C-alpha cells in the first residue's frame, strides 16, 4: 500500500470515504469483546497503517473508565490513548478509530457519540442483544458547514 502524504490526509477524511477495510480477525475480536463486556459498553482501539485505502488490521481492547451509566456510555482513558500513540510513533501505524458496543441498542451512533466524536477516526459499533452480537456497522463523523453528522461507511472484509 502506498503511504498517503500528510498534506493529502484532509482530502480523504473518513467523512468523505464510502468504505473501510477491516480484517475478519478484527471483526471477530470486536464481537468477542462486546460479548465479554456485556451488559456494559466495551470499547477499544482500531489500528492500522497510515495509508489509503483505510485498512484496520488490529484491535486492542481498552478499559471503559466511564464512571456512571456504563451500559450506555464509554470513555477511553486519555493516558491509555497517549501511551498507545507513543508506542506507535514512527512505526507507520496509528490509531485509525475506536470501537464500542451498544448493549441492547442498535449499532447506530448516539447523541453522546456525536458530541464526543472526531472527524479523523472511524467508529465501529456492535449491537449486543442479551449478550449476543447481532449487528456491526462502521461510521465516520462529518463536520462540514458546522453541522456534525455521522455517515455510515461500508465495511469491506479482508
Protein backbone atom coordinates (compact mmCIF):
# COMPACT_ATOMS: atom_id res chain seq x y z
CA UNK A 1 0.00 0.00 0.00
CA UNK A 2 1.20 3.44 -0.82
CA UNK A 3 1.56 5.79 2.12
CA UNK A 4 -0.59 8.90 1.98
CA UNK A 5 1.31 12.18 2.26
CA UNK A 6 0.27 14.21 5.31
CA UNK A 7 -0.87 17.14 3.16
CA UNK A 8 -3.38 14.90 1.35
CA UNK A 9 -4.87 13.48 4.51
CA UNK A 10 -7.59 16.14 4.81
CA UNK A 11 -8.77 15.41 1.27
CA UNK A 12 -9.57 11.81 2.18
CA UNK A 13 -11.12 12.24 5.60
CA UNK A 14 -13.28 9.32 6.72
CA UNK A 15 -16.28 11.66 6.44
CA UNK A 16 -15.72 11.51 2.69
CA UNK A 17 -14.86 7.80 2.50
CA UNK A 18 -17.54 5.35 1.46
CA UNK A 19 -15.83 2.23 2.79
CA UNK A 20 -13.23 0.93 5.22
CA UNK A 21 -11.30 -2.32 5.03
CA UNK A 22 -11.40 -4.39 8.22
CA UNK A 23 -9.83 -7.80 8.67
CA UNK A 24 -12.08 -10.68 9.66
CA UNK A 25 -9.97 -11.26 12.78
CA UNK A 26 -10.63 -7.70 13.95
CA UNK A 27 -14.39 -8.08 13.40
CA UNK A 28 -14.35 -11.33 15.41
CA UNK A 29 -12.31 -9.69 18.21
CA UNK A 30 -14.78 -6.80 18.40
CA UNK A 31 -17.75 -9.19 18.63
CA UNK A 32 -16.00 -11.28 21.28
CA UNK A 33 -15.16 -8.20 23.35
CA UNK A 34 -18.75 -6.96 23.09
CA UNK A 35 -19.93 -10.32 24.44
CA UNK A 36 -17.38 -10.28 27.26
CA UNK A 37 -18.19 -6.75 28.46
CA UNK A 38 -21.98 -7.09 28.26
CA UNK A 39 -24.08 -5.58 29.88
CA UNK A 40 -21.61 -2.66 29.95
CA UNK A 41 -20.32 -0.94 26.85
CA UNK A 42 -17.00 -2.35 25.76
CA UNK A 43 -14.51 -0.20 23.87
CA UNK A 44 -11.18 -0.39 22.14
CA UNK A 45 -8.74 0.97 19.60
CA UNK A 46 -8.76 0.26 15.87
CA UNK A 47 -5.25 0.26 14.42
CA UNK A 48 -3.69 0.06 11.00
CA UNK A 49 -1.18 1.57 8.61
CA UNK A 50 -1.21 5.27 7.85
CA UNK A 51 -2.23 4.63 4.25
CA UNK A 52 -5.03 4.84 1.72
CA UNK A 53 -7.32 3.00 1.50
CA UNK A 54 -8.01 2.87 5.22
CA UNK A 55 -7.34 -0.66 6.47
CA UNK A 56 -8.00 -1.66 10.07
CA UNK A 57 -5.97 -4.76 10.82
CA UNK A 58 -5.58 -4.71 14.61
CA UNK A 59 -7.91 -4.36 17.58
CA UNK A 60 -6.81 -3.55 21.10
CA UNK A 61 -9.31 -3.61 23.94
CA UNK A 62 -9.43 -0.55 26.17
CA UNK A 63 -10.84 -0.11 29.63
CA UNK A 64 -14.15 1.72 29.83
CA UNK A 65 -13.45 4.35 32.50
CA UNK A 66 -16.91 5.93 32.36
CA UNK A 67 -17.95 6.44 35.98
CA UNK A 68 -21.72 6.19 35.50
CA UNK A 69 -24.13 4.61 33.05
CA UNK A 70 -21.50 2.19 31.70
CA UNK A 71 -24.33 0.31 30.00
CA UNK A 72 -25.00 3.43 27.90
CA UNK A 73 -21.64 5.19 27.65
CA UNK A 74 -17.95 4.57 27.27
CA UNK A 75 -14.86 6.65 27.77
CA UNK A 76 -11.31 5.62 26.92
CA UNK A 77 -8.65 6.80 29.36
CA UNK A 78 -6.67 9.63 27.66
CA UNK A 79 -3.49 8.24 29.27
CA UNK A 80 -4.12 4.90 27.55
CA UNK A 81 -4.61 6.69 24.23
CA UNK A 82 -1.43 8.74 24.71
CA UNK A 83 0.57 5.63 25.64
CA UNK A 84 -0.59 3.80 22.53
CA UNK A 85 0.10 6.85 20.35
CA UNK A 86 3.67 6.96 21.69
CA UNK A 87 4.08 3.22 21.16
CA UNK A 88 3.01 3.54 17.52
CA UNK A 89 5.09 6.67 16.82
CA UNK A 90 7.44 6.13 13.88
CA UNK A 91 6.01 2.69 13.09
CA UNK A 92 3.88 3.75 10.11
CA UNK A 93 0.85 2.59 12.10
CA UNK A 94 -1.65 4.64 14.04
CA UNK A 95 -4.96 4.73 15.80
CA UNK A 96 -7.48 4.83 12.95
CA UNK A 97 -10.54 4.77 15.14
CA UNK A 98 -12.43 3.36 18.05
CA UNK A 99 -14.86 0.55 18.63
CA UNK A 100 -17.60 0.34 21.21
CA UNK A 101 -20.59 -1.84 21.89
CA UNK A 102 -24.21 -0.86 22.34
CA UNK A 103 -25.79 -3.28 24.82
CA UNK A 104 -29.42 -3.89 23.86
CA UNK A 105 -29.38 -0.92 21.46
CA UNK A 106 -28.83 -0.58 17.69
CA UNK A 107 -25.37 -0.25 16.14
CA UNK A 108 -26.02 3.42 15.41
CA UNK A 109 -24.21 6.40 16.93
CA UNK A 110 -25.88 8.07 19.90
CA UNK A 111 -26.06 11.77 20.73
CA UNK A 112 -23.16 11.17 23.16
CA UNK A 113 -21.14 9.58 20.34
CA UNK A 114 -21.83 12.64 18.21
CA UNK A 115 -20.76 15.03 20.98
CA UNK A 116 -17.51 13.16 21.69
CA UNK A 117 -16.50 12.19 18.13
CA UNK A 118 -13.66 13.43 15.94
CA UNK A 119 -13.68 13.62 12.15
CA UNK A 120 -10.42 11.76 11.51
CA UNK A 121 -11.48 8.50 13.16
CA UNK A 122 -13.55 5.55 12.01
CA UNK A 123 -16.05 4.35 14.61
CA UNK A 124 -17.22 0.75 14.70
CA UNK A 125 -20.27 -0.06 16.80
CA UNK A 126 -21.50 -3.56 17.57
CA UNK A 127 -25.04 -4.09 18.83
CA UNK A 128 -25.11 -6.74 21.56
CA UNK A 129 -28.54 -8.08 22.47
CA UNK A 130 -28.80 -10.20 25.61
CA UNK A 131 -25.07 -10.89 25.42
CA UNK A 132 -25.04 -11.84 21.73
CA UNK A 133 -23.53 -9.63 18.97
CA UNK A 134 -26.24 -9.11 16.34
CA UNK A 135 -25.08 -6.21 14.15
CA UNK A 136 -21.81 -4.42 13.42
CA UNK A 137 -21.50 -1.15 11.50
CA UNK A 138 -18.85 1.46 10.75
CA UNK A 139 -19.32 5.22 10.86
CA UNK A 140 -17.41 8.41 10.15
CA UNK A 141 -18.13 11.85 11.53
CA UNK A 142 -18.72 14.65 9.08
CA UNK A 143 -18.37 18.21 10.36
CA UNK A 144 -18.93 20.28 7.24
CA UNK A 145 -20.74 23.59 7.31
CA UNK A 146 -20.87 23.49 11.11
CA UNK A 147 -23.27 20.54 11.09
CA UNK A 148 -21.97 17.39 12.77
CA UNK A 149 -23.45 14.15 11.49
CA UNK A 150 -22.40 10.53 11.32
CA UNK A 151 -22.31 8.84 7.97
CA UNK A 152 -22.38 5.06 7.66
CA UNK A 153 -19.31 3.59 5.97
CA UNK A 154 -19.39 0.24 4.18
CA UNK A 155 -17.20 -2.43 5.75
CA UNK A 156 -15.06 -4.40 3.29
CA UNK A 157 -13.99 -7.62 4.99
CA UNK A 158 -10.41 -8.55 4.06
